[in-house]
Protein backbone atom coordinates (compact mmCIF):
# COMPACT_ATOMS: atom_id res chain seq x y z
CA MET A 1 -0.11 -0.03 0.03
CA SER A 2 1.33 3.36 -0.91
CA THR A 3 1.97 6.12 1.77
CA PHE A 4 -0.82 8.22 0.37
CA SER A 5 -3.38 5.46 0.40
CA ALA A 6 -2.36 4.46 3.95
CA ARG A 7 -2.87 8.06 5.07
CA ALA A 8 -6.23 8.39 3.19
CA SER A 9 -7.50 5.12 4.64
CA ARG A 10 -7.20 6.48 8.22
CA HIS A 11 -9.32 9.52 7.58
CA GLU A 12 -7.37 11.64 9.97
CA PRO A 13 -7.45 15.44 9.48
CA PRO A 14 -4.00 17.06 9.41
CA ALA A 15 -2.66 18.57 12.57
CA VAL A 16 -3.69 22.19 13.07
CA ASP A 17 -1.49 24.81 14.62
CA LYS A 18 -3.90 26.70 16.90
CA ASN A 19 -1.74 29.78 17.15
CA ALA A 20 -1.32 30.07 13.40
CA ALA A 21 -4.98 29.61 12.82
CA ILE A 22 -5.84 32.40 15.34
CA ALA A 23 -3.25 34.71 13.72
CA ARG A 24 -4.87 34.08 10.24
CA GLN A 25 -8.28 34.68 11.70
CA GLN A 26 -7.27 38.00 13.09
CA HIS A 27 -5.61 38.92 9.84
CA TYR A 28 -8.85 38.27 7.89
CA LEU A 29 -10.88 40.15 10.48
CA ARG A 30 -8.63 43.18 10.00
CA LEU A 31 -9.06 42.92 6.23
CA ALA A 32 -12.82 42.59 6.67
CA ASP A 33 -12.95 45.68 8.92
CA ALA A 34 -11.02 47.69 6.34
CA ARG A 35 -13.47 46.68 3.56
CA VAL A 36 -16.48 47.54 5.72
CA THR A 37 -14.93 50.91 6.29
CA ALA A 38 -14.44 51.40 2.61
CA GLY A 39 -18.04 50.42 1.94
CA ASP A 40 -17.29 47.18 0.05
CA ARG A 41 -19.76 44.78 1.74
CA VAL A 42 -19.11 41.98 -0.71
CA ALA A 43 -15.40 41.87 -0.07
CA ALA A 44 -15.91 42.25 3.72
CA GLU A 45 -18.16 39.20 3.71
CA ASN A 46 -15.62 37.20 1.84
CA TYR A 47 -13.03 38.11 4.42
CA PHE A 48 -15.48 37.32 7.34
CA GLN A 49 -15.99 33.84 5.85
CA HIS A 50 -12.24 33.32 5.67
CA ALA A 51 -11.94 34.44 9.32
CA GLU A 52 -14.65 32.02 10.31
CA HIS A 53 -12.86 29.17 8.58
CA PHE A 54 -9.71 29.84 10.55
CA LEU A 55 -11.80 30.17 13.86
CA ARG A 56 -13.09 26.71 13.18
CA CYS A 57 -9.58 25.46 12.55
CA ALA A 58 -8.45 26.78 15.89
CA ILE A 59 -11.43 25.23 17.65
CA GLU A 60 -10.69 21.88 15.95
CA GLY A 61 -7.04 22.16 17.11
CA THR A 62 -8.15 22.22 20.73
CA ARG A 63 -10.07 19.01 20.65
């Protein structure tokens, strides 16, 4: 069995660096806030969604 198929068969998510995920979340929140200030609601929503993704990654890293 190849290394890839051995990893895929375990169905384990990759390890998450909680601190990196929190830093990325904060980064995207700052970008979103800047877009809100500029009046670009669509771009802001995109950044808020990215921030939420990294929040979920940080939460998953604590389990």
